[in-house]
């Protein structure tokens, strides 16, 4: 019996014809492939996060290495983060003792001034909270995008939320204070610590703009200048 006959045996005599299944054609391979750089970047980031073996990546592929380095730098600094890692404060209330990026990434001199002011405000029976501090560029951009959707235009949104390039929150040199009585207390006493209200439409936003006991600069109309 030939190989062909073994592959296709005859139907039994007197019985119904034997059904011989046809070979199922293989699905064609997809020709589109993800860029090599993307796969290497993804793999390197995962390997770094899980095993710490990124240094084993071939450093000769300079463009890929630079791309990976950029991703890792953003991850380390939190610049591409939103949420708590990007500076969000859960429930909108924090103290300077909270271990949150919004607090720990603040400028050291600003933190010291706010801490001193908070202690004196407490002595006066005034609640004193940090409602926003350091923000990552990504988180600042997210806030600006939300403001654009809320107010209908970038121009109006900019009166309330600055851009990542201009915001002192991103540099860690601005802090928002609450509740309202705490903000008003700091408006009245802030210059004693070098802390100044910056925008006339934001009673909560303070920056270190003078020496303790000095004079604060004139208020800006809004965050848009």
N, C-alpha and C. Protein backbone atom coordinates (compact mmCIF):
# COMPACT_ATOMS: atom_id res chain seq x y z
N UNK A 1 0.85 -1.20 0.00
CA UNK A 1 0.00 0.00 0.00
C UNK A 1 0.89 1.24 0.00
N UNK A 2 0.49 2.17 -0.83
CA UNK A 2 1.32 3.37 -0.95
C UNK A 2 1.02 4.34 0.17
N UNK A 3 1.95 5.33 0.34
CA UNK A 3 1.76 6.38 1.34
C UNK A 3 0.49 7.15 1.08
N UNK A 4 0.17 7.37 -0.20
CA UNK A 4 -1.04 8.09 -0.56
C UNK A 4 -2.27 7.31 -0.12
N UNK A 5 -2.23 5.98 -0.28
CA UNK A 5 -3.36 5.15 0.10
C UNK A 5 -3.55 5.14 1.61
N UNK A 6 -2.45 5.17 2.38
CA UNK A 6 -2.56 5.24 3.84
C UNK A 6 -3.18 6.55 4.29
N UNK A 7 -2.85 7.62 3.59
CA UNK A 7 -3.38 8.93 3.96
C UNK A 7 -4.85 9.06 3.63
N UNK A 8 -5.30 8.36 2.58
CA UNK A 8 -6.71 8.45 2.14
C UNK A 8 -7.25 7.05 1.95
N UNK A 9 -7.58 6.29 3.01
CA UNK A 9 -8.09 4.92 2.86
C UNK A 9 -9.42 4.92 2.15
N UNK A 10 -9.72 3.83 1.39
CA UNK A 10 -10.99 3.76 0.65
C UNK A 10 -12.17 3.59 1.60
N UNK A 11 -13.32 4.02 1.15
CA UNK A 11 -14.53 3.86 1.94
C UNK A 11 -14.90 2.39 2.02
N UNK A 12 -15.50 1.90 3.12
CA UNK A 12 -15.90 0.50 3.23
C UNK A 12 -16.91 0.14 2.15
N UNK A 13 -16.82 -1.10 1.68
CA UNK A 13 -17.73 -1.56 0.63
C UNK A 13 -19.13 -1.60 1.18
N UNK A 14 -20.10 -1.08 0.46
CA UNK A 14 -21.49 -1.10 0.86
C UNK A 14 -21.85 -0.06 1.90
N UNK A 15 -20.92 0.61 2.41
CA UNK A 15 -21.21 1.63 3.43
C UNK A 15 -21.20 3.01 2.83
N UNK A 16 -21.51 3.97 3.64
CA UNK A 16 -21.50 5.35 3.15
C UNK A 16 -20.08 5.80 2.84
N UNK A 17 -19.97 6.71 1.94
CA UNK A 17 -18.63 7.18 1.60
C UNK A 17 -17.93 7.72 2.84
N UNK A 18 -16.68 7.36 2.96
CA UNK A 18 -15.89 7.87 4.10
C UNK A 18 -15.58 9.35 3.87
N UNK A 19 -15.83 10.11 4.92
CA UNK A 19 -15.51 11.54 4.83
C UNK A 19 -14.04 11.74 5.16
N UNK A 20 -13.37 12.31 4.25
CA UNK A 20 -11.95 12.60 4.47
C UNK A 20 -11.80 14.08 4.76
N UNK A 21 -11.46 14.43 5.98
CA UNK A 21 -11.36 15.88 6.31
C UNK A 21 -10.25 16.55 5.53
N UNK A 22 -10.55 17.72 5.09
CA UNK A 22 -9.54 18.51 4.40
C UNK A 22 -8.62 19.18 5.42
N UNK A 23 -7.38 19.30 5.07
CA UNK A 23 -6.46 19.98 6.00
C UNK A 23 -6.91 21.41 6.26
N UNK A 24 -6.89 21.80 7.53
CA UNK A 24 -7.27 23.18 7.89
C UNK A 24 -6.11 24.10 7.58
N UNK A 25 -6.33 25.07 6.73
CA UNK A 25 -5.21 25.97 6.38
C UNK A 25 -4.77 26.77 7.61
N UNK A 26 -3.46 26.96 7.75
CA UNK A 26 -2.92 27.76 8.84
C UNK A 26 -3.21 29.25 8.63
N UNK A 27 -3.53 29.90 9.74
CA UNK A 27 -3.76 31.34 9.65
C UNK A 27 -2.46 32.03 9.26
N UNK A 28 -2.56 32.97 8.35
CA UNK A 28 -1.33 33.67 7.95
C UNK A 28 -0.73 34.43 9.12
N UNK A 29 0.57 34.46 9.17
CA UNK A 29 1.25 35.20 10.22
C UNK A 29 1.05 36.70 10.03
N UNK A 30 0.89 37.38 11.16
CA UNK A 30 0.74 38.84 11.08
C UNK A 30 2.09 39.44 10.74
N UNK A 31 2.04 40.27 9.75
CA UNK A 31 3.30 40.86 9.30
C UNK A 31 3.73 42.03 10.16
N UNK A 32 2.73 42.69 10.81
CA UNK A 32 3.10 43.86 11.60
C UNK A 32 3.76 43.44 12.90
N UNK A 33 4.87 44.02 13.22
CA UNK A 33 5.58 43.74 14.46
C UNK A 33 5.81 45.02 15.22
N UNK A 34 5.77 44.91 16.52
CA UNK A 34 6.04 46.09 17.33
C UNK A 34 7.48 46.52 17.16
N UNK A 35 7.70 47.80 17.20
CA UNK A 35 9.08 48.28 17.04
C UNK A 35 9.99 47.65 18.07
N UNK A 36 11.17 47.31 17.63
CA UNK A 36 12.14 46.70 18.53
C UNK A 36 12.43 47.57 19.73
N UNK A 37 12.54 48.88 19.51
CA UNK A 37 12.86 49.79 20.61
C UNK A 37 11.78 49.73 21.69
N UNK A 38 10.51 49.67 21.27
CA UNK A 38 9.41 49.62 22.24
C UNK A 38 9.50 48.36 23.08
N UNK A 39 9.76 47.24 22.45
CA UNK A 39 9.86 45.99 23.18
C UNK A 39 11.03 46.00 24.15
N UNK A 40 12.15 46.55 23.70
CA UNK A 40 13.32 46.59 24.57
C UNK A 40 13.10 47.52 25.76
N UNK A 41 12.46 48.66 25.49
CA UNK A 41 12.17 49.59 26.58
C UNK A 41 11.26 48.94 27.61
N UNK A 42 10.19 48.30 27.13
CA UNK A 42 9.25 47.65 28.03
C UNK A 42 9.93 46.57 28.84
N UNK A 43 10.72 45.74 28.14
CA UNK A 43 11.41 44.64 28.83
C UNK A 43 12.39 45.16 29.85
N UNK A 44 13.13 46.22 29.49
CA UNK A 44 14.13 46.76 30.40
C UNK A 44 13.49 47.34 31.65
N UNK A 45 12.37 48.05 31.48
CA UNK A 45 11.69 48.63 32.62
C UNK A 45 11.17 47.53 33.55
N UNK A 46 10.58 46.49 32.96
CA UNK A 46 10.07 45.39 33.76
C UNK A 46 11.19 44.66 34.48
N UNK A 47 12.28 44.41 33.76
CA UNK A 47 13.41 43.72 34.38
C UNK A 47 14.01 44.53 35.51
N UNK A 48 14.05 45.86 35.31
CA UNK A 48 14.60 46.72 36.36
C UNK A 48 13.71 46.69 37.59
N UNK A 49 12.41 46.79 37.36
CA UNK A 49 11.48 46.84 38.48
C UNK A 49 11.46 45.52 39.26
N UNK A 50 11.59 44.41 38.53
CA UNK A 50 11.44 43.11 39.19
C UNK A 50 12.77 42.52 39.62
N UNK A 51 13.76 42.57 38.75
CA UNK A 51 15.01 41.87 39.02
C UNK A 51 16.24 42.78 39.16
N UNK A 52 16.11 44.04 38.74
CA UNK A 52 17.26 44.93 38.83
C UNK A 52 18.37 44.56 37.88
N UNK A 53 18.02 44.02 36.67
CA UNK A 53 19.06 43.55 35.77
C UNK A 53 19.22 44.46 34.55
N UNK A 54 18.66 45.68 34.63
CA UNK A 54 18.81 46.59 33.49
C UNK A 54 20.25 46.83 33.11
N UNK A 55 21.21 46.87 34.07
CA UNK A 55 22.61 47.08 33.67
C UNK A 55 23.14 46.05 32.70
N UNK A 56 22.44 44.90 32.56
CA UNK A 56 22.91 43.87 31.64
C UNK A 56 22.53 44.19 30.19
N UNK A 57 21.66 45.22 29.99
CA UNK A 57 21.27 45.58 28.63
C UNK A 57 22.48 46.06 27.85
N UNK A 58 22.55 45.66 26.59
CA UNK A 58 23.67 46.05 25.74
C UNK A 58 23.69 47.56 25.57
N UNK A 59 24.71 48.22 26.12
CA UNK A 59 24.77 49.67 26.09
C UNK A 59 25.16 50.20 24.72
N UNK A 60 25.45 49.31 23.78
CA UNK A 60 25.85 49.77 22.45
C UNK A 60 24.70 50.32 21.64
N UNK A 61 23.46 49.95 22.01
CA UNK A 61 22.30 50.45 21.28
C UNK A 61 21.88 51.77 21.90
N UNK A 62 22.58 52.83 21.55
CA UNK A 62 22.42 54.13 22.22
C UNK A 62 21.00 54.66 22.20
N UNK A 63 20.27 54.67 21.05
CA UNK A 63 18.92 55.23 21.05
C UNK A 63 18.00 54.50 22.02
N UNK A 64 18.09 53.17 22.06
CA UNK A 64 17.23 52.41 22.95
C UNK A 64 17.60 52.68 24.39
N UNK A 65 18.89 52.73 24.68
CA UNK A 65 19.35 52.97 26.04
C UNK A 65 18.89 54.34 26.53
N UNK A 66 18.98 55.35 25.64
CA UNK A 66 18.53 56.69 26.04
C UNK A 66 17.04 56.68 26.34
N UNK A 67 16.27 55.96 25.53
CA UNK A 67 14.83 55.89 25.75
C UNK A 67 14.52 55.22 27.08
N UNK A 68 15.22 54.13 27.37
CA UNK A 68 15.02 53.43 28.64
C UNK A 68 15.42 54.33 29.80
N UNK A 69 16.57 55.01 29.67
CA UNK A 69 17.03 55.89 30.74
C UNK A 69 15.99 56.97 31.04
N UNK A 70 15.38 57.51 29.99
CA UNK A 70 14.38 58.56 30.18
C UNK A 70 13.18 58.02 30.94
N UNK A 71 12.72 56.83 30.56
CA UNK A 71 11.58 56.24 31.25
C UNK A 71 11.91 55.99 32.72
N UNK A 72 13.10 55.46 32.97
CA UNK A 72 13.50 55.17 34.34
C UNK A 72 13.68 56.43 35.16
N UNK A 73 14.23 57.48 34.55
CA UNK A 73 14.39 58.75 35.26
C UNK A 73 13.04 59.31 35.68
N UNK A 74 12.06 59.22 34.77
CA UNK A 74 10.72 59.69 35.10
C UNK A 74 10.12 58.88 36.23
N UNK A 75 10.36 57.57 36.19
CA UNK A 75 9.81 56.71 37.23
C UNK A 75 10.43 57.04 38.59
N UNK A 76 11.76 57.30 38.59
CA UNK A 76 12.43 57.59 39.86
C UNK A 76 12.00 58.94 40.42
N UNK A 77 11.85 59.93 39.56
CA UNK A 77 11.52 61.28 40.02
C UNK A 77 10.03 61.48 40.24
N UNK A 78 9.22 60.61 39.67
CA UNK A 78 7.78 60.76 39.77
C UNK A 78 7.23 61.77 38.79
N UNK A 79 8.05 62.26 37.85
CA UNK A 79 7.60 63.32 36.95
C UNK A 79 6.48 62.88 36.04
N UNK A 80 6.42 61.59 35.76
CA UNK A 80 5.34 61.10 34.89
C UNK A 80 4.18 60.52 35.66
N UNK A 81 4.15 60.73 36.98
CA UNK A 81 3.14 60.11 37.82
C UNK A 81 1.98 61.06 38.09
N UNK A 82 0.82 60.45 38.28
CA UNK A 82 -0.33 61.18 38.81
C UNK A 82 -0.74 60.46 40.09
N UNK A 83 -1.88 60.81 40.64
CA UNK A 83 -2.26 60.17 41.88
C UNK A 83 -1.33 60.58 43.01
N UNK A 84 -1.27 59.75 44.05
CA UNK A 84 -0.46 60.06 45.22
C UNK A 84 1.02 60.22 44.85
N UNK A 85 1.51 59.35 43.96
CA UNK A 85 2.92 59.44 43.56
C UNK A 85 3.22 60.74 42.84
N UNK A 86 2.21 61.35 42.23
CA UNK A 86 2.40 62.61 41.52
C UNK A 86 2.11 63.84 42.34
N UNK A 87 1.71 63.66 43.60
CA UNK A 87 1.47 64.81 44.46
C UNK A 87 0.04 64.95 44.96
N UNK A 88 -0.84 64.06 44.57
CA UNK A 88 -2.21 64.13 45.09
C UNK A 88 -2.20 63.83 46.58
N UNK A 89 -3.05 64.51 47.33
CA UNK A 89 -3.18 64.29 48.77
C UNK A 89 -4.53 63.62 49.03
N UNK A 90 -4.53 62.37 49.50
CA UNK A 90 -5.80 61.69 49.77
C UNK A 90 -6.66 62.50 50.74
N UNK A 91 -7.92 62.64 50.40
CA UNK A 91 -8.88 63.40 51.21
C UNK A 91 -8.59 64.90 51.23
N UNK A 92 -7.52 65.33 50.54
CA UNK A 92 -7.25 66.76 50.40
C UNK A 92 -6.67 67.43 51.64
N UNK A 93 -6.25 66.67 52.63
CA UNK A 93 -5.75 67.25 53.87
C UNK A 93 -4.50 66.49 54.31
N UNK A 94 -3.43 67.24 54.62
CA UNK A 94 -2.19 66.62 55.09
C UNK A 94 -1.50 67.54 56.08
N UNK A 95 -0.56 66.97 56.82
CA UNK A 95 0.31 67.76 57.68
C UNK A 95 1.74 67.62 57.17
N UNK A 96 2.62 68.42 57.69
CA UNK A 96 4.01 68.36 57.25
C UNK A 96 4.72 67.11 57.74
N UNK A 97 4.08 66.35 58.60
CA UNK A 97 4.67 65.11 59.09
C UNK A 97 4.23 63.89 58.28
N UNK A 98 3.32 64.08 57.33
CA UNK A 98 2.84 62.96 56.52
C UNK A 98 3.89 62.55 55.49
N UNK A 99 4.04 61.24 55.35
CA UNK A 99 5.02 60.70 54.40
C UNK A 99 4.37 60.57 53.03
N UNK A 100 4.18 61.70 52.38
CA UNK A 100 3.57 61.76 51.06
C UNK A 100 4.49 62.55 50.14
N UNK A 101 4.60 62.17 48.85
CA UNK A 101 5.43 62.95 47.93
C UNK A 101 5.06 64.43 47.89
N UNK A 102 3.78 64.73 48.06
CA UNK A 102 3.34 66.13 48.05
C UNK A 102 4.00 66.92 49.17
N UNK A 103 4.38 66.24 50.25
CA UNK A 103 5.02 66.89 51.39
C UNK A 103 6.54 66.73 51.34
N UNK A 104 7.00 65.51 51.13
CA UNK A 104 8.43 65.24 51.20
C UNK A 104 9.22 65.88 50.06
N UNK A 105 8.56 66.20 48.95
CA UNK A 105 9.25 66.83 47.82
C UNK A 105 9.19 68.35 47.84
N UNK A 106 8.66 68.92 48.91
CA UNK A 106 8.64 70.37 49.03
C UNK A 106 10.04 70.91 49.29
N UNK A 107 10.28 72.15 48.86
CA UNK A 107 11.53 72.83 49.15
C UNK A 107 11.74 72.88 50.66
N UNK A 108 12.96 72.59 51.10
CA UNK A 108 13.25 72.50 52.54
C UNK A 108 12.99 73.82 53.27
N UNK A 109 13.37 74.93 52.67
CA UNK A 109 13.16 76.23 53.32
C UNK A 109 11.67 76.55 53.43
N UNK A 110 10.92 76.20 52.39
CA UNK A 110 9.47 76.42 52.43
C UNK A 110 8.85 75.57 53.53
N UNK A 111 9.27 74.32 53.62
CA UNK A 111 8.72 73.43 54.65
C UNK A 111 8.99 73.97 56.04
N UNK A 112 10.21 74.45 56.27
CA UNK A 112 10.56 74.98 57.58
C UNK A 112 9.70 76.19 57.95
N UNK A 113 9.48 77.08 56.97
CA UNK A 113 8.67 78.27 57.23
C UNK A 113 7.22 77.90 57.52
N UNK A 114 6.67 76.98 56.73
CA UNK A 114 5.28 76.56 56.94
C UNK A 114 5.14 75.84 58.28
N UNK A 115 6.13 75.04 58.64
CA UNK A 115 6.07 74.33 59.92
C UNK A 115 6.03 75.32 61.10
N UNK A 116 6.86 76.35 61.03
CA UNK A 116 6.87 77.36 62.10
C UNK A 116 5.54 78.10 62.16
N UNK A 117 5.01 78.45 60.99
CA UNK A 117 3.73 79.14 60.95
C UNK A 117 2.61 78.26 61.49
N UNK A 118 2.64 76.97 61.14
CA UNK A 118 1.60 76.05 61.60
C UNK A 118 1.61 75.94 63.12
N UNK A 119 2.79 75.91 63.72
CA UNK A 119 2.89 75.82 65.18
C UNK A 119 2.29 77.05 65.85
N UNK A 120 2.58 78.22 65.29
CA UNK A 120 2.04 79.46 65.87
C UNK A 120 0.53 79.57 65.64
N UNK A 121 0.06 79.09 64.49
CA UNK A 121 -1.38 79.10 64.22
C UNK A 121 -2.10 78.19 65.22
N UNK A 122 -1.50 77.04 65.52
CA UNK A 122 -2.10 76.12 66.50
C UNK A 122 -2.20 76.77 67.87
N UNK A 123 -1.17 77.55 68.23
CA UNK A 123 -1.20 78.27 69.50
C UNK A 123 -2.35 79.27 69.55
N UNK A 124 -2.74 79.77 68.38
CA UNK A 124 -3.87 80.71 68.30
C UNK A 124 -5.20 79.98 68.13
N UNK A 125 -5.17 78.64 68.19
CA UNK A 125 -6.39 77.86 68.05
C UNK A 125 -6.88 77.76 66.62
N UNK A 126 -5.98 77.93 65.65
CA UNK A 126 -6.35 77.91 64.23
C UNK A 126 -5.93 76.58 63.60
N UNK A 127 -6.88 75.92 62.96
CA UNK A 127 -6.54 74.72 62.19
C UNK A 127 -5.69 75.13 61.00
N UNK A 128 -4.73 74.31 60.67
CA UNK A 128 -3.75 74.67 59.64
C UNK A 128 -3.38 73.41 58.89
N UNK A 129 -3.84 73.28 57.64
CA UNK A 129 -3.61 72.08 56.85
C UNK A 129 -2.88 72.41 55.57
N UNK A 130 -2.23 71.42 55.03
CA UNK A 130 -1.70 71.50 53.67
C UNK A 130 -2.69 70.77 52.77
N UNK A 131 -3.25 71.50 51.82
CA UNK A 131 -4.21 70.88 50.91
C UNK A 131 -3.58 70.50 49.57
N UNK A 132 -2.42 71.10 49.27
CA UNK A 132 -1.66 70.72 48.07
C UNK A 132 -0.24 71.23 48.23
N UNK A 133 0.71 70.43 47.78
CA UNK A 133 2.11 70.83 47.87
C UNK A 133 2.82 70.58 46.56
N UNK A 134 3.88 69.75 46.60
CA UNK A 134 4.59 69.39 45.37
C UNK A 134 3.67 68.63 44.44
N UNK A 135 3.83 68.88 43.14
CA UNK A 135 3.09 68.14 42.11
C UNK A 135 4.05 67.76 40.99
N UNK A 136 3.85 66.60 40.44
CA UNK A 136 4.64 66.20 39.27
C UNK A 136 4.14 66.97 38.05
N UNK A 137 4.97 67.11 37.01
CA UNK A 137 4.49 67.76 35.78
C UNK A 137 3.24 67.09 35.22
N UNK A 138 3.21 65.75 35.28
CA UNK A 138 2.05 65.03 34.73
C UNK A 138 0.80 65.35 35.54
N UNK A 139 0.92 65.43 36.85
CA UNK A 139 -0.25 65.74 37.68
C UNK A 139 -0.70 67.18 37.47
N UNK A 140 0.25 68.10 37.34
CA UNK A 140 -0.10 69.49 37.07
C UNK A 140 -0.83 69.61 35.75
N UNK A 141 -0.36 68.90 34.73
CA UNK A 141 -1.01 68.92 33.42
C UNK A 141 -2.42 68.34 33.51
N UNK A 142 -2.57 67.30 34.31
CA UNK A 142 -3.89 66.71 34.50
C UNK A 142 -4.85 67.72 35.11
N UNK A 143 -4.40 68.47 36.11
CA UNK A 143 -5.24 69.49 36.73
C UNK A 143 -5.61 70.58 35.73
N UNK A 144 -4.65 70.96 34.89
CA UNK A 144 -4.93 71.98 33.88
C UNK A 144 -5.94 71.46 32.86
N UNK A 145 -5.79 70.22 32.44
CA UNK A 145 -6.73 69.63 31.48
C UNK A 145 -8.14 69.59 32.07
N UNK A 146 -8.25 69.24 33.34
CA UNK A 146 -9.55 69.22 34.00
C UNK A 146 -10.16 70.61 34.04
N UNK A 147 -9.32 71.62 34.30
CA UNK A 147 -9.82 73.00 34.34
C UNK A 147 -10.30 73.46 32.96
N UNK A 148 -9.60 73.05 31.92
CA UNK A 148 -10.02 73.40 30.56
C UNK A 148 -11.40 72.81 30.28
N UNK A 149 -11.60 71.56 30.67
CA UNK A 149 -12.91 70.93 30.45
C UNK A 149 -13.99 71.62 31.28
N UNK A 150 -13.63 72.04 32.49
CA UNK A 150 -14.62 72.66 33.36
C UNK A 150 -15.00 74.06 32.91
N UNK A 151 -14.00 74.86 32.49
CA UNK A 151 -14.27 76.26 32.17
C UNK A 151 -14.40 76.54 30.68
N UNK A 152 -14.09 75.54 29.86
CA UNK A 152 -14.38 75.67 28.44
C UNK A 152 -13.28 76.22 27.58
N UNK A 153 -12.20 76.73 28.17
CA UNK A 153 -11.11 77.25 27.35
C UNK A 153 -9.83 77.25 28.16
N UNK A 154 -8.70 77.20 27.46
CA UNK A 154 -7.41 77.24 28.13
C UNK A 154 -7.18 78.59 28.77
N UNK A 155 -7.63 79.65 28.13
CA UNK A 155 -7.41 81.00 28.65
C UNK A 155 -8.04 81.17 30.02
N UNK A 156 -9.28 80.72 30.16
CA UNK A 156 -9.96 80.85 31.45
C UNK A 156 -9.36 79.88 32.47
N UNK A 157 -9.04 78.68 32.01
CA UNK A 157 -8.45 77.68 32.92
C UNK A 157 -7.13 78.17 33.48
N UNK A 158 -6.35 78.88 32.67
CA UNK A 158 -5.03 79.37 33.11
C UNK A 158 -5.14 80.41 34.22
N UNK A 159 -6.31 81.01 34.38
CA UNK A 159 -6.49 81.95 35.47
C UNK A 159 -6.55 81.25 36.82
N UNK A 160 -6.75 79.94 36.78
CA UNK A 160 -6.91 79.16 38.00
C UNK A 160 -5.85 78.08 38.19
N UNK A 161 -5.30 77.58 37.08
CA UNK A 161 -4.31 76.51 37.14
C UNK A 161 -3.16 76.85 36.20
N UNK A 162 -1.95 76.83 36.71
CA UNK A 162 -0.78 77.15 35.89
C UNK A 162 -0.35 75.94 35.08
N UNK A 163 0.53 76.18 34.13
CA UNK A 163 1.07 75.09 33.32
C UNK A 163 2.19 74.39 34.08
N UNK A 164 2.53 73.16 33.71
CA UNK A 164 3.64 72.46 34.38
C UNK A 164 4.96 73.22 34.30
N UNK A 165 5.16 73.97 33.21
CA UNK A 165 6.41 74.71 33.04
C UNK A 165 6.51 75.91 33.98
N UNK A 166 5.38 76.47 34.38
CA UNK A 166 5.38 77.70 35.17
C UNK A 166 4.98 77.51 36.63
N UNK A 167 4.35 76.40 36.93
CA UNK A 167 3.82 76.20 38.27
C UNK A 167 4.94 76.02 39.29
N UNK A 168 4.87 76.77 40.39
CA UNK A 168 5.83 76.60 41.48
C UNK A 168 5.51 75.36 42.32
N UNK A 169 4.32 74.80 42.13
CA UNK A 169 4.04 73.52 42.78
C UNK A 169 4.96 72.44 42.23
N UNK A 170 5.22 72.49 40.93
CA UNK A 170 6.07 71.48 40.29
C UNK A 170 7.51 71.58 40.80
N UNK A 171 7.95 72.77 41.12
CA UNK A 171 9.30 72.95 41.65
C UNK A 171 9.37 72.71 43.16
N UNK A 172 8.20 72.49 43.78
CA UNK A 172 8.17 72.27 45.22
C UNK A 172 8.24 73.54 46.03
N UNK A 173 8.00 74.69 45.40
CA UNK A 173 8.16 75.98 46.08
C UNK A 173 6.84 76.69 46.32
N UNK A 174 5.75 75.94 46.28
CA UNK A 174 4.43 76.52 46.57
C UNK A 174 3.63 75.52 47.39
N UNK A 175 2.77 76.06 48.23
CA UNK A 175 1.93 75.22 49.07
C UNK A 175 0.55 75.86 49.20
N UNK A 176 -0.48 75.04 49.22
CA UNK A 176 -1.84 75.53 49.43
C UNK A 176 -2.25 75.19 50.85
N UNK A 177 -2.85 76.17 51.52
CA UNK A 177 -3.19 76.04 52.93
C UNK A 177 -4.70 76.09 53.14
N UNK A 178 -5.17 75.24 54.02
CA UNK A 178 -6.57 75.23 54.40
C UNK A 178 -6.69 74.97 55.89
N UNK A 179 -7.89 75.05 56.46
CA UNK A 179 -9.13 75.51 55.83
C UNK A 179 -9.10 77.02 55.62
N UNK A 180 -10.25 77.61 55.35
CA UNK A 180 -10.29 79.04 55.05
C UNK A 180 -9.70 79.88 56.18
N UNK A 181 -10.03 79.50 57.43
CA UNK A 181 -9.50 80.30 58.56
C UNK A 181 -7.98 80.19 58.64
N UNK A 182 -7.42 79.03 58.26
CA UNK A 182 -5.97 78.89 58.25
C UNK A 182 -5.33 79.74 57.17
N UNK A 183 -5.97 79.78 55.99
CA UNK A 183 -5.45 80.60 54.90
C UNK A 183 -5.48 82.08 55.26
N UNK A 184 -6.60 82.54 55.87
CA UNK A 184 -6.70 83.95 56.25
C UNK A 184 -5.70 84.30 57.35
N UNK A 185 -5.47 83.35 58.26
CA UNK A 185 -4.47 83.58 59.31
C UNK A 185 -3.10 83.80 58.69
N UNK A 186 -2.78 82.98 57.67
CA UNK A 186 -1.46 83.10 57.04
C UNK A 186 -1.37 84.35 56.16
N UNK A 187 -2.47 84.78 55.59
CA UNK A 187 -2.46 86.04 54.85
C UNK A 187 -2.08 87.18 55.79
N UNK A 188 -2.59 87.12 57.01
CA UNK A 188 -2.34 88.17 57.99
C UNK A 188 -0.93 88.09 58.58
N UNK A 189 -0.44 86.88 58.81
CA UNK A 189 0.82 86.72 59.53
C UNK A 189 1.96 86.14 58.69
N UNK A 190 1.67 85.78 57.46
CA UNK A 190 2.65 85.04 56.66
C UNK A 190 3.98 85.74 56.46
N UNK A 191 3.98 87.04 56.31
CA UNK A 191 5.23 87.77 56.06
C UNK A 191 6.21 87.60 57.22
N UNK A 192 5.71 87.31 58.41
CA UNK A 192 6.59 87.09 59.55
C UNK A 192 7.50 85.88 59.33
N UNK A 193 7.05 84.99 58.45
CA UNK A 193 7.81 83.77 58.16
C UNK A 193 8.39 83.78 56.73
N UNK A 194 8.13 84.88 56.02
CA UNK A 194 8.57 84.97 54.63
C UNK A 194 7.56 84.40 53.65
N UNK A 195 6.40 84.02 54.14
CA UNK A 195 5.36 83.40 53.31
C UNK A 195 4.38 84.45 52.80
N UNK A 196 4.10 84.39 51.51
CA UNK A 196 3.25 85.41 50.89
C UNK A 196 2.15 84.78 50.05
N UNK A 197 0.96 85.37 50.15
CA UNK A 197 -0.08 85.05 49.18
C UNK A 197 0.38 85.58 47.84
N UNK A 198 0.13 84.83 46.76
CA UNK A 198 0.65 85.21 45.46
C UNK A 198 -0.43 85.77 44.54
N UNK A 199 -1.59 85.11 44.50
CA UNK A 199 -2.66 85.49 43.57
C UNK A 199 -3.87 86.00 44.33
N UNK A 200 -4.45 87.09 43.84
CA UNK A 200 -5.60 87.68 44.53
C UNK A 200 -6.81 86.76 44.50
N UNK A 201 -6.89 85.86 43.51
CA UNK A 201 -8.04 84.96 43.43
C UNK A 201 -7.79 83.60 44.08
N UNK A 202 -6.64 83.47 44.79
CA UNK A 202 -6.33 82.22 45.47
C UNK A 202 -5.81 82.55 46.88
N UNK A 203 -6.71 82.56 47.83
CA UNK A 203 -6.33 82.93 49.19
C UNK A 203 -5.50 81.81 49.84
N UNK A 204 -5.46 80.65 49.23
CA UNK A 204 -4.80 79.48 49.82
C UNK A 204 -3.37 79.26 49.34
N UNK A 205 -2.96 79.91 48.27
CA UNK A 205 -1.67 79.64 47.63
C UNK A 205 -0.58 80.55 48.20
N UNK A 206 0.49 79.93 48.74
CA UNK A 206 1.58 80.69 49.36
C UNK A 206 2.94 80.22 48.86
N UNK A 207 3.84 81.19 48.75
CA UNK A 207 5.21 80.90 48.37
C UNK A 207 6.15 81.69 49.29
N UNK A 208 7.40 81.26 49.35
CA UNK A 208 8.41 81.93 50.17
C UNK A 208 9.02 83.04 49.32
N UNK A 209 8.48 84.27 49.47
CA UNK A 209 8.85 85.36 48.57
C UNK A 209 9.54 86.54 49.25
N UNK A 210 9.76 86.46 50.54
CA UNK A 210 10.45 87.53 51.24
C UNK A 210 11.20 86.94 52.43
N UNK A 211 12.02 87.73 53.04
CA UNK A 211 12.70 87.28 54.25
C UNK A 211 11.73 87.39 55.42
N UNK A 212 11.91 86.58 56.45
CA UNK A 212 11.02 86.68 57.62
C UNK A 212 10.98 88.11 58.15
N UNK A 213 9.78 88.62 58.29
CA UNK A 213 9.61 89.99 58.74
C UNK A 213 9.65 91.01 57.63
N UNK A 214 9.83 90.55 56.39
CA UNK A 214 9.91 91.46 55.25
C UNK A 214 8.54 91.83 54.71
N UNK A 215 8.55 92.38 53.51
CA UNK A 215 7.31 92.83 52.87
C UNK A 215 7.03 91.96 51.65
N UNK A 216 5.83 91.47 51.55
CA UNK A 216 5.45 90.63 50.41
C UNK A 216 5.23 91.49 49.17
N UNK A 217 5.53 90.96 48.00
CA UNK A 217 5.28 91.70 46.75
C UNK A 217 3.79 91.86 46.50
N UNK A 218 3.46 92.77 45.60
CA UNK A 218 2.05 92.99 45.26
C UNK A 218 1.45 91.73 44.67
N UNK A 219 0.17 91.54 44.93
CA UNK A 219 -0.53 90.35 44.46
C UNK A 219 -0.65 90.37 42.93
N UNK A 220 -0.53 89.21 42.34
CA UNK A 220 -0.86 89.03 40.94
C UNK A 220 -2.37 88.76 40.83
N UNK A 221 -2.94 89.13 39.69
CA UNK A 221 -4.38 88.97 39.55
C UNK A 221 -4.80 87.50 39.59
N UNK A 222 -4.03 86.66 38.89
CA UNK A 222 -4.33 85.23 38.87
C UNK A 222 -3.12 84.46 38.36
N UNK A 223 -3.25 83.14 38.26
CA UNK A 223 -2.13 82.30 37.85
C UNK A 223 -1.71 82.53 36.40
N UNK A 224 -2.59 83.17 35.63
CA UNK A 224 -2.27 83.48 34.25
C UNK A 224 -1.43 84.73 34.10
N UNK A 225 -1.12 85.39 35.21
CA UNK A 225 -0.30 86.60 35.15
C UNK A 225 -1.11 87.87 35.16
